[in-house]
Structure formats: C-alpha cells, structure tokens
Amino acid sequence: MNTNTKKLTYIALLTALSTLAVGFLRIPSPYGGIIHFGDSIVFIASIFFGPLAGAVVGGIGHALANIIFGPQIFTPWTLVIKAIMGIAVGIIAYRQPLKSFRLWIAFVCALAILLVGYFIAATVLFSGGDIAAAPVPLIFAASNSTQWAASVVVAVILIPIVNKILGGREL
C-alpha cells in the first residue's frame, strides 16, 4: 500500500476512534461535564503522524462527537480548540519518544490550550462575554483538567503499543 494512502487511512481511523472515545467512553466528572479519552487519541495522532494529523483528528473527530453525542453548542469551539491542540502537540512532540522532555512540554501546552480555549468559550456562551461573571467557566477548567490528566495517562500507556503496531519506525 502507498505510504500516503496508509497514513491517510490511519488518520481517518484515528478520527473515527476519537469521535467514539468522546461519545462512548464518558465518565461523569465530579466538577460537572464529562471525562473522556478522546484527547489521548489526538496526542497519538500528533505524536506519530504530525501536526496536521493532530488537527484533523482533534478538530474533526471531537466536533463530530459534539454533533452526534452533544453538547452541540460547543461544536465550533471544539473544532478550533482541539485542532489547535493537535497542531501544538504535533509541532512540539512529533516523533518524540515517551521519555522525551518535549513530549511532556507538549502535554502541558495542550492543557493550556484546553483551559484557555474552553474558558473563553464558556465565558462567551454562558456569561455573555463578562469575565467577572465567570463561575461557570472556572468549573469547566476543573473538569477539563481532570479530563486532560486522564487522557495523558491513557496516551502514555498507548504510545509504546502504537509504536510497536507501526513497527517502531515512527519514533
């Protein structure tokens, strides 16, 4: 199979998997919202296939999950936030091994993008753009941090497995 076709196939499968991970692997968060493992799929796509793959898997995969499983109100925000997150992780950690400092910097950058992006989204959607009236956005930050931590743990578990599946050539 052509290398580009193979890569495109992996990206399409990861996009579908991220949609399903967000939609079906949901755990209610103690802070409201949900904890899902879709971000771990974005991390995998970004690390093994680069920033563009991370953007597609994150943006399209998670936006589709919002459309199909809800909440639809966040769909445009999710498309942009998760795409930026995938790009950032891919730029920083593409082909970086598990013990790489750059990989951990990428995870922390993903958290920053997640928190800032959804803080802005929640402020616009629920506080009318008034940051002073921001208790709802702050609750989202706690929920998003928990979800990020769960996704990092799953990604750290999956990275060596995916590397083996890909023949160890990608890292």
N, C-alpha and C. Protein backbone atom coordinates (compact mmCIF):
# COMPACT_ATOMS: atom_id res chain seq x y z
N MET A 1 0.84 -1.18 0.00
CA MET A 1 0.00 0.00 0.00
C MET A 1 0.89 1.24 0.00
N ASN A 2 0.51 2.24 -0.75
CA ASN A 2 1.21 3.51 -0.83
C ASN A 2 1.33 4.13 0.57
N THR A 3 2.47 4.71 0.90
CA THR A 3 2.70 5.30 2.22
C THR A 3 1.69 6.39 2.54
N ASN A 4 1.40 7.27 1.57
CA ASN A 4 0.43 8.33 1.81
C ASN A 4 -0.97 7.78 2.05
N THR A 5 -1.33 6.75 1.30
CA THR A 5 -2.63 6.11 1.48
C THR A 5 -2.71 5.47 2.86
N LYS A 6 -1.64 4.84 3.26
CA LYS A 6 -1.58 4.20 4.58
C LYS A 6 -1.72 5.25 5.69
N LYS A 7 -0.99 6.34 5.56
CA LYS A 7 -1.06 7.41 6.55
C LYS A 7 -2.46 8.02 6.62
N LEU A 8 -3.05 8.27 5.47
CA LEU A 8 -4.40 8.81 5.41
C LEU A 8 -5.40 7.86 6.05
N THR A 9 -5.21 6.57 5.84
CA THR A 9 -6.08 5.56 6.45
C THR A 9 -5.96 5.59 7.96
N TYR A 10 -4.74 5.67 8.47
CA TYR A 10 -4.53 5.76 9.91
C TYR A 10 -5.20 7.01 10.48
N ILE A 11 -5.05 8.13 9.80
CA ILE A 11 -5.64 9.38 10.26
C ILE A 11 -7.16 9.29 10.28
N ALA A 12 -7.74 8.70 9.24
CA ALA A 12 -9.20 8.52 9.21
C ALA A 12 -9.67 7.61 10.34
N LEU A 13 -8.95 6.53 10.58
CA LEU A 13 -9.31 5.62 11.67
C LEU A 13 -9.17 6.30 13.03
N LEU A 14 -8.12 7.07 13.21
CA LEU A 14 -7.94 7.78 14.47
C LEU A 14 -9.01 8.85 14.67
N THR A 15 -9.43 9.49 13.58
CA THR A 15 -10.51 10.48 13.67
C THR A 15 -11.80 9.80 14.14
N ALA A 16 -12.12 8.68 13.54
CA ALA A 16 -13.32 7.93 13.96
C ALA A 16 -13.18 7.45 15.40
N LEU A 17 -12.00 6.96 15.75
CA LEU A 17 -11.76 6.48 17.10
C LEU A 17 -11.89 7.61 18.12
N SER A 18 -11.40 8.80 17.78
CA SER A 18 -11.53 9.92 18.72
C SER A 18 -12.99 10.30 18.90
N THR A 19 -13.78 10.24 17.82
CA THR A 19 -15.21 10.52 17.93
C THR A 19 -15.87 9.52 18.88
N LEU A 20 -15.54 8.26 18.70
CA LEU A 20 -16.13 7.21 19.55
C LEU A 20 -15.63 7.31 20.99
N ALA A 21 -14.36 7.65 21.17
CA ALA A 21 -13.82 7.78 22.53
C ALA A 21 -14.51 8.91 23.29
N VAL A 22 -14.82 9.99 22.60
CA VAL A 22 -15.54 11.09 23.24
C VAL A 22 -17.00 10.71 23.49
N GLY A 23 -17.59 10.02 22.53
CA GLY A 23 -19.02 9.72 22.61
C GLY A 23 -19.39 8.57 23.53
N PHE A 24 -18.57 7.53 23.56
CA PHE A 24 -18.96 6.34 24.31
C PHE A 24 -18.18 6.11 25.59
N LEU A 25 -16.96 6.60 25.66
CA LEU A 25 -16.15 6.37 26.86
C LEU A 25 -16.24 7.57 27.79
N ARG A 26 -17.46 7.89 28.21
CA ARG A 26 -17.72 9.07 29.03
C ARG A 26 -17.86 8.67 30.50
N ILE A 27 -17.19 9.41 31.34
CA ILE A 27 -17.32 9.24 32.78
C ILE A 27 -17.77 10.60 33.33
N PRO A 28 -18.85 10.62 34.11
CA PRO A 28 -19.27 11.91 34.68
C PRO A 28 -18.16 12.49 35.56
N SER A 29 -17.89 13.77 35.37
CA SER A 29 -16.87 14.45 36.15
C SER A 29 -17.46 14.94 37.47
N PRO A 30 -16.70 14.87 38.54
CA PRO A 30 -17.21 15.39 39.81
C PRO A 30 -17.44 16.90 39.78
N TYR A 31 -16.86 17.57 38.78
CA TYR A 31 -16.99 19.02 38.65
C TYR A 31 -18.04 19.43 37.63
N GLY A 32 -18.79 18.48 37.13
CA GLY A 32 -19.72 18.72 36.04
C GLY A 32 -19.03 18.37 34.73
N GLY A 33 -19.78 18.23 33.69
CA GLY A 33 -19.19 17.84 32.41
C GLY A 33 -18.83 16.36 32.42
N ILE A 34 -17.93 15.98 31.52
CA ILE A 34 -17.54 14.57 31.39
C ILE A 34 -16.03 14.44 31.31
N ILE A 35 -15.58 13.24 31.62
CA ILE A 35 -14.19 12.87 31.39
C ILE A 35 -14.23 11.87 30.25
N HIS A 36 -13.45 12.12 29.22
CA HIS A 36 -13.37 11.18 28.09
C HIS A 36 -11.91 11.01 27.72
N PHE A 37 -11.64 10.06 26.84
CA PHE A 37 -10.26 9.76 26.48
C PHE A 37 -9.95 10.14 25.03
N GLY A 38 -10.78 10.98 24.45
CA GLY A 38 -10.57 11.41 23.07
C GLY A 38 -9.28 12.18 22.87
N ASP A 39 -8.86 12.94 23.88
CA ASP A 39 -7.62 13.70 23.74
C ASP A 39 -6.41 12.79 23.64
N SER A 40 -6.48 11.61 24.25
CA SER A 40 -5.35 10.68 24.12
C SER A 40 -5.18 10.25 22.66
N ILE A 41 -6.28 10.16 21.92
CA ILE A 41 -6.21 9.81 20.50
C ILE A 41 -5.60 10.98 19.71
N VAL A 42 -5.94 12.20 20.10
CA VAL A 42 -5.33 13.38 19.46
C VAL A 42 -3.83 13.39 19.72
N PHE A 43 -3.43 13.08 20.95
CA PHE A 43 -2.00 13.03 21.28
C PHE A 43 -1.29 11.98 20.42
N ILE A 44 -1.89 10.81 20.29
CA ILE A 44 -1.30 9.72 19.50
C ILE A 44 -1.14 10.17 18.04
N ALA A 45 -2.20 10.75 17.47
CA ALA A 45 -2.15 11.21 16.07
C ALA A 45 -1.06 12.25 15.88
N SER A 46 -0.97 13.21 16.79
CA SER A 46 0.01 14.28 16.69
C SER A 46 1.44 13.77 16.82
N ILE A 47 1.64 12.86 17.76
CA ILE A 47 2.98 12.34 18.03
C ILE A 47 3.48 11.44 16.90
N PHE A 48 2.60 10.60 16.36
CA PHE A 48 3.03 9.64 15.35
C PHE A 48 2.89 10.14 13.92
N PHE A 49 1.95 11.05 13.67
CA PHE A 49 1.69 11.46 12.29
C PHE A 49 1.84 12.96 12.04
N GLY A 50 2.10 13.74 13.07
CA GLY A 50 2.40 15.15 12.89
C GLY A 50 1.26 16.10 13.19
N PRO A 51 1.56 17.41 13.09
CA PRO A 51 0.60 18.45 13.47
C PRO A 51 -0.69 18.46 12.65
N LEU A 52 -0.60 18.26 11.35
CA LEU A 52 -1.81 18.27 10.52
C LEU A 52 -2.74 17.12 10.90
N ALA A 53 -2.16 15.94 11.12
CA ALA A 53 -2.96 14.79 11.55
C ALA A 53 -3.62 15.07 12.89
N GLY A 54 -2.85 15.66 13.81
CA GLY A 54 -3.42 16.00 15.12
C GLY A 54 -4.57 16.98 15.00
N ALA A 55 -4.43 17.95 14.09
CA ALA A 55 -5.50 18.93 13.88
C ALA A 55 -6.76 18.27 13.34
N VAL A 56 -6.59 17.38 12.38
CA VAL A 56 -7.75 16.69 11.78
C VAL A 56 -8.43 15.79 12.81
N VAL A 57 -7.63 14.97 13.48
CA VAL A 57 -8.19 14.04 14.46
C VAL A 57 -8.86 14.80 15.60
N GLY A 58 -8.19 15.84 16.10
CA GLY A 58 -8.76 16.61 17.20
C GLY A 58 -9.96 17.44 16.78
N GLY A 59 -9.77 18.24 15.75
CA GLY A 59 -10.85 19.14 15.34
C GLY A 59 -12.06 18.41 14.80
N ILE A 60 -11.85 17.61 13.79
CA ILE A 60 -12.99 16.92 13.15
C ILE A 60 -13.56 15.83 14.05
N GLY A 61 -12.67 15.01 14.64
CA GLY A 61 -13.15 13.92 15.49
C GLY A 61 -13.97 14.40 16.67
N HIS A 62 -13.48 15.41 17.37
CA HIS A 62 -14.19 15.91 18.54
C HIS A 62 -15.43 16.73 18.16
N ALA A 63 -15.34 17.48 17.07
CA ALA A 63 -16.51 18.24 16.62
C ALA A 63 -17.64 17.28 16.22
N LEU A 64 -17.29 16.20 15.52
CA LEU A 64 -18.30 15.19 15.19
C LEU A 64 -18.92 14.59 16.44
N ALA A 65 -18.11 14.35 17.45
CA ALA A 65 -18.64 13.82 18.71
C ALA A 65 -19.63 14.80 19.33
N ASN A 66 -19.31 16.10 19.27
CA ASN A 66 -20.25 17.10 19.79
C ASN A 66 -21.55 17.10 18.99
N ILE A 67 -21.45 16.98 17.67
CA ILE A 67 -22.65 16.97 16.83
C ILE A 67 -23.50 15.74 17.11
N ILE A 68 -22.86 14.58 17.20
CA ILE A 68 -23.59 13.32 17.36
C ILE A 68 -24.07 13.11 18.79
N PHE A 69 -23.19 13.34 19.76
CA PHE A 69 -23.49 12.98 21.15
C PHE A 69 -23.80 14.17 22.05
N GLY A 70 -23.52 15.39 21.56
CA GLY A 70 -23.77 16.58 22.34
C GLY A 70 -22.58 16.91 23.23
N PRO A 71 -22.51 18.08 23.76
CA PRO A 71 -23.39 19.22 23.56
C PRO A 71 -23.05 19.98 22.27
N GLN A 72 -24.03 20.14 21.43
CA GLN A 72 -23.82 20.76 20.11
C GLN A 72 -23.39 22.22 20.21
N ILE A 73 -23.76 22.89 21.28
CA ILE A 73 -23.41 24.32 21.42
C ILE A 73 -21.90 24.56 21.38
N PHE A 74 -21.12 23.54 21.76
CA PHE A 74 -19.67 23.69 21.78
C PHE A 74 -18.99 23.29 20.47
N THR A 75 -19.74 22.81 19.49
CA THR A 75 -19.14 22.26 18.27
C THR A 75 -18.15 23.20 17.59
N PRO A 76 -18.49 24.44 17.27
CA PRO A 76 -17.50 25.29 16.60
C PRO A 76 -16.27 25.57 17.48
N TRP A 77 -16.50 25.73 18.77
CA TRP A 77 -15.40 25.95 19.71
C TRP A 77 -14.49 24.73 19.76
N THR A 78 -15.10 23.57 19.86
CA THR A 78 -14.35 22.32 19.92
C THR A 78 -13.52 22.12 18.66
N LEU A 79 -14.10 22.38 17.51
CA LEU A 79 -13.38 22.24 16.24
C LEU A 79 -12.07 23.03 16.27
N VAL A 80 -12.15 24.27 16.71
CA VAL A 80 -10.98 25.15 16.72
C VAL A 80 -10.01 24.77 17.85
N ILE A 81 -10.53 24.60 19.06
CA ILE A 81 -9.67 24.33 20.22
C ILE A 81 -8.91 23.02 20.04
N LYS A 82 -9.61 21.97 19.65
CA LYS A 82 -8.95 20.66 19.52
C LYS A 82 -8.00 20.63 18.32
N ALA A 83 -8.32 21.36 17.26
CA ALA A 83 -7.41 21.44 16.12
C ALA A 83 -6.12 22.14 16.53
N ILE A 84 -6.24 23.25 17.25
CA ILE A 84 -5.05 23.98 17.71
C ILE A 84 -4.24 23.10 18.66
N MET A 85 -4.94 22.38 19.52
CA MET A 85 -4.26 21.48 20.45
C MET A 85 -3.46 20.43 19.69
N GLY A 86 -4.08 19.81 18.67
CA GLY A 86 -3.39 18.81 17.86
C GLY A 86 -2.18 19.37 17.13
N ILE A 87 -2.33 20.58 16.60
CA ILE A 87 -1.22 21.23 15.91
C ILE A 87 -0.06 21.48 16.89
N ALA A 88 -0.38 22.03 18.05
CA ALA A 88 0.67 22.34 19.03
C ALA A 88 1.41 21.09 19.48
N VAL A 89 0.67 20.04 19.81
CA VAL A 89 1.30 18.80 20.25
C VAL A 89 2.16 18.23 19.13
N GLY A 90 1.66 18.28 17.90
CA GLY A 90 2.43 17.77 16.77
C GLY A 90 3.70 18.56 16.50
N ILE A 91 3.62 19.88 16.60
CA ILE A 91 4.81 20.71 16.39
C ILE A 91 5.87 20.43 17.45
N ILE A 92 5.44 20.28 18.68
CA ILE A 92 6.39 20.10 19.78
C ILE A 92 6.88 18.66 19.89
N ALA A 93 5.99 17.68 19.70
CA ALA A 93 6.32 16.30 20.08
C ALA A 93 6.31 15.28 18.95
N TYR A 94 6.21 15.72 17.69
CA TYR A 94 6.20 14.77 16.58
C TYR A 94 7.44 13.89 16.64
N ARG A 95 7.21 12.59 16.67
CA ARG A 95 8.24 11.56 16.71
C ARG A 95 9.15 11.63 17.94
N GLN A 96 8.63 12.15 19.02
CA GLN A 96 9.40 12.19 20.26
C GLN A 96 9.12 10.94 21.09
N PRO A 97 10.15 10.32 21.64
CA PRO A 97 9.94 9.13 22.47
C PRO A 97 9.25 9.48 23.80
N LEU A 98 8.73 8.46 24.45
CA LEU A 98 7.97 8.62 25.67
C LEU A 98 8.75 9.36 26.76
N LYS A 99 10.03 9.16 26.84
CA LYS A 99 10.83 9.79 27.90
C LYS A 99 11.33 11.18 27.51
N SER A 100 10.91 11.68 26.38
CA SER A 100 11.36 12.98 25.91
C SER A 100 10.73 14.12 26.72
N PHE A 101 11.56 15.10 27.07
CA PHE A 101 11.09 16.29 27.75
C PHE A 101 10.10 17.06 26.87
N ARG A 102 10.36 17.05 25.57
CA ARG A 102 9.47 17.75 24.63
C ARG A 102 8.05 17.18 24.64
N LEU A 103 7.93 15.87 24.82
CA LEU A 103 6.61 15.25 24.88
C LEU A 103 5.82 15.79 26.06
N TRP A 104 6.48 15.91 27.19
CA TRP A 104 5.79 16.40 28.39
C TRP A 104 5.47 17.89 28.27
N ILE A 105 6.33 18.64 27.61
CA ILE A 105 6.03 20.05 27.33
C ILE A 105 4.79 20.14 26.44
N ALA A 106 4.69 19.24 25.45
CA ALA A 106 3.53 19.22 24.55
C ALA A 106 2.25 18.94 25.33
N PHE A 107 2.30 18.00 26.26
CA PHE A 107 1.12 17.70 27.08
C PHE A 107 0.69 18.92 27.88
N VAL A 108 1.65 19.64 28.46
CA VAL A 108 1.33 20.83 29.25
C VAL A 108 0.77 21.94 28.35
N CYS A 109 1.33 22.10 27.16
CA CYS A 109 0.79 23.09 26.20
C CYS A 109 -0.64 22.74 25.81
N ALA A 110 -0.90 21.45 25.64
CA ALA A 110 -2.27 21.01 25.32
C ALA A 110 -3.22 21.40 26.44
N LEU A 111 -2.79 21.24 27.68
CA LEU A 111 -3.62 21.64 28.81
C LEU A 111 -3.90 23.14 28.78
N ALA A 112 -2.88 23.94 28.51
CA ALA A 112 -3.06 25.39 28.46
C ALA A 112 -4.05 25.78 27.37
N ILE A 113 -3.92 25.17 26.20
CA ILE A 113 -4.84 25.46 25.09
C ILE A 113 -6.27 25.05 25.46
N LEU A 114 -6.40 23.87 26.07
CA LEU A 114 -7.70 23.36 26.51
C LEU A 114 -8.35 24.32 27.51
N LEU A 115 -7.59 24.72 28.53
CA LEU A 115 -8.15 25.58 29.57
C LEU A 115 -8.50 26.97 29.05
N VAL A 116 -7.58 27.57 28.32
CA VAL A 116 -7.85 28.92 27.80
C VAL A 116 -8.99 28.89 26.78
N GLY A 117 -8.95 27.92 25.88
CA GLY A 117 -9.98 27.83 24.84
C GLY A 117 -11.38 27.64 25.40
N TYR A 118 -11.52 26.70 26.31
CA TYR A 118 -12.86 26.45 26.87
C TYR A 118 -13.26 27.50 27.90
N PHE A 119 -12.29 28.16 28.53
CA PHE A 119 -12.63 29.29 29.40
C PHE A 119 -13.27 30.41 28.56
N ILE A 120 -12.64 30.69 27.41
CA ILE A 120 -13.20 31.72 26.52
C ILE A 120 -14.57 31.28 26.00
N ALA A 121 -14.68 30.02 25.59
CA ALA A 121 -15.96 29.51 25.07
C ALA A 121 -17.06 29.62 26.12
N ALA A 122 -16.77 29.17 27.34
CA ALA A 122 -17.79 29.20 28.39
C ALA A 122 -18.13 30.63 28.79
N THR A 123 -17.12 31.50 28.77
CA THR A 123 -17.38 32.90 29.10
C THR A 123 -18.31 33.52 28.07
N VAL A 124 -18.05 33.27 26.81
CA VAL A 124 -18.89 33.82 25.74
C VAL A 124 -20.29 33.20 25.77
N LEU A 125 -20.35 31.87 25.93
CA LEU A 125 -21.64 31.18 25.85
C LEU A 125 -22.51 31.37 27.09
N PHE A 126 -21.90 31.39 28.27
CA PHE A 126 -22.70 31.36 29.49
C PHE A 126 -22.63 32.63 30.33
N SER A 127 -21.66 33.49 30.09
CA SER A 127 -21.52 34.70 30.90
C SER A 127 -21.66 35.95 30.04
N GLY A 128 -22.12 35.78 28.81
CA GLY A 128 -22.31 36.92 27.93
C GLY A 128 -21.02 37.68 27.65
N GLY A 129 -19.88 37.01 27.75
CA GLY A 129 -18.60 37.65 27.50
C GLY A 129 -18.05 38.41 28.69
N ASP A 130 -18.78 38.38 29.84
CA ASP A 130 -18.36 39.10 31.04
C ASP A 130 -17.48 38.18 31.90
N ILE A 131 -16.17 38.42 31.87
CA ILE A 131 -15.24 37.58 32.62
C ILE A 131 -15.50 37.67 34.12
N ALA A 132 -16.01 38.81 34.61
CA ALA A 132 -16.29 38.95 36.04
C ALA A 132 -17.37 37.97 36.50
N ALA A 133 -18.23 37.57 35.59
CA ALA A 133 -19.30 36.62 35.92
C ALA A 133 -18.89 35.22 35.46
N ALA A 134 -17.72 34.78 35.91
CA ALA A 134 -17.12 33.57 35.34
C ALA A 134 -17.12 32.32 36.22
N PRO A 135 -18.07 32.12 37.13
CA PRO A 135 -18.00 30.87 37.89
C PRO A 135 -18.19 29.63 37.03
N VAL A 136 -19.06 29.70 36.04
CA VAL A 136 -19.27 28.54 35.16
C VAL A 136 -17.99 28.21 34.39
N PRO A 137 -17.31 29.18 33.77
CA PRO A 137 -16.05 28.86 33.09
C PRO A 137 -15.00 28.27 34.03
N LEU A 138 -14.96 28.69 35.28
CA LEU A 138 -13.98 28.15 36.22
C LEU A 138 -14.28 26.70 36.56
N ILE A 139 -15.55 26.35 36.64
CA ILE A 139 -15.93 24.95 36.86
C ILE A 139 -15.48 24.11 35.67
N PHE A 140 -15.63 24.66 34.46
CA PHE A 140 -15.18 23.96 33.25
C PHE A 140 -13.67 23.69 33.32
N ALA A 141 -12.91 24.61 33.89
CA ALA A 141 -11.46 24.43 33.99
C ALA A 141 -11.13 23.21 34.85
N ALA A 142 -11.82 23.03 35.95
CA ALA A 142 -11.57 21.87 36.80
C ALA A 142 -11.92 20.58 36.07
N SER A 143 -13.04 20.57 35.38
CA SER A 143 -13.46 19.38 34.63
C SER A 143 -12.49 19.09 33.49
N ASN A 144 -12.08 20.11 32.76
CA ASN A 144 -11.15 19.92 31.64
C ASN A 144 -9.78 19.45 32.11
N SER A 145 -9.33 19.92 33.26
CA SER A 145 -8.04 19.48 33.80
C SER A 145 -8.07 18.00 34.15
N THR A 146 -9.17 17.56 34.73
CA THR A 146 -9.32 16.14 35.07
C THR A 146 -9.34 15.29 33.81
N GLN A 147 -10.07 15.75 32.81
CA GLN A 147 -10.16 15.02 31.55
C GLN A 147 -8.80 14.97 30.86
N TRP A 148 -8.05 16.07 30.88
CA TRP A 148 -6.71 16.11 30.30
C TRP A 148 -5.80 15.10 30.99
N ALA A 149 -5.82 15.08 32.32
CA ALA A 149 -4.94 14.17 33.07
C ALA A 149 -5.26 12.71 32.71
N ALA A 150 -6.53 12.38 32.61
CA ALA A 150 -6.92 11.01 32.23
C ALA A 150 -6.42 10.69 30.82
N SER A 151 -6.51 11.64 29.92
CA SER A 151 -6.04 11.41 28.54
C SER A 151 -4.53 11.26 28.47
N VAL A 152 -3.80 12.00 29.28
CA VAL A 152 -2.34 11.87 29.31
C VAL A 152 -1.96 10.47 29.79
N VAL A 153 -2.62 10.00 30.84
CA VAL A 153 -2.33 8.65 31.35
C VAL A 153 -2.58 7.60 30.26
N VAL A 154 -3.72 7.70 29.58
CA VAL A 154 -4.04 6.73 28.52
C VAL A 154 -3.04 6.85 27.37
N ALA A 155 -2.67 8.07 26.99
CA ALA A 155 -1.70 8.25 25.90
C ALA A 155 -0.35 7.63 26.26
N VAL A 156 0.10 7.82 27.50
CA VAL A 156 1.37 7.27 27.94
C VAL A 156 1.34 5.74 27.87
N ILE A 157 0.20 5.16 28.17
CA ILE A 157 0.04 3.71 28.06
C ILE A 157 0.03 3.27 26.60
N LEU A 158 -0.63 4.05 25.74
CA LEU A 158 -0.80 3.67 24.33
C LEU A 158 0.43 3.92 23.45
N ILE A 159 1.26 4.90 23.79
CA ILE A 159 2.38 5.26 22.92
C ILE A 159 3.28 4.06 22.60
N PRO A 160 3.74 3.27 23.58
CA PRO A 160 4.58 2.13 23.22
C PRO A 160 3.83 1.06 22.42
N ILE A 161 2.56 0.91 22.68
CA ILE A 161 1.74 -0.08 21.96
C ILE A 161 1.60 0.33 20.50
N VAL A 162 1.26 1.60 20.27
CA VAL A 162 1.12 2.10 18.91
C VAL A 162 2.46 2.05 18.18
N ASN A 163 3.53 2.38 18.88
CA ASN A 163 4.86 2.32 18.28
C ASN A 163 5.16 0.90 17.79
N LYS A 164 4.80 -0.10 18.58
CA LYS A 164 5.01 -1.49 18.16
C LYS A 164 4.15 -1.85 16.96
N ILE A 165 2.89 -1.41 16.98
CA ILE A 165 1.98 -1.69 15.87
C ILE A 165 2.52 -1.08 14.57
N LEU A 166 3.08 0.09 14.67
CA LEU A 166 3.63 0.78 13.50
C LEU A 166 5.03 0.28 13.14
N GLY A 167 5.50 -0.69 13.83
CA GLY A 167 6.81 -1.27 13.52
C GLY A 167 7.98 -0.53 14.13
N GLY A 168 7.71 0.37 15.06
CA GLY A 168 8.80 1.08 15.72
C GLY A 168 9.54 2.07 14.85
N ARG A 169 9.07 2.31 13.65
CA ARG A 169 9.77 3.22 12.72
C ARG A 169 9.36 4.67 12.91
N GLU A 170 8.23 4.89 13.56
CA GLU A 170 7.69 6.25 13.63
C GLU A 170 8.35 7.13 14.69
N LEU A 171 9.01 6.53 15.68
CA LEU A 171 9.64 7.35 16.72
C LEU A 171 11.14 7.29 16.60
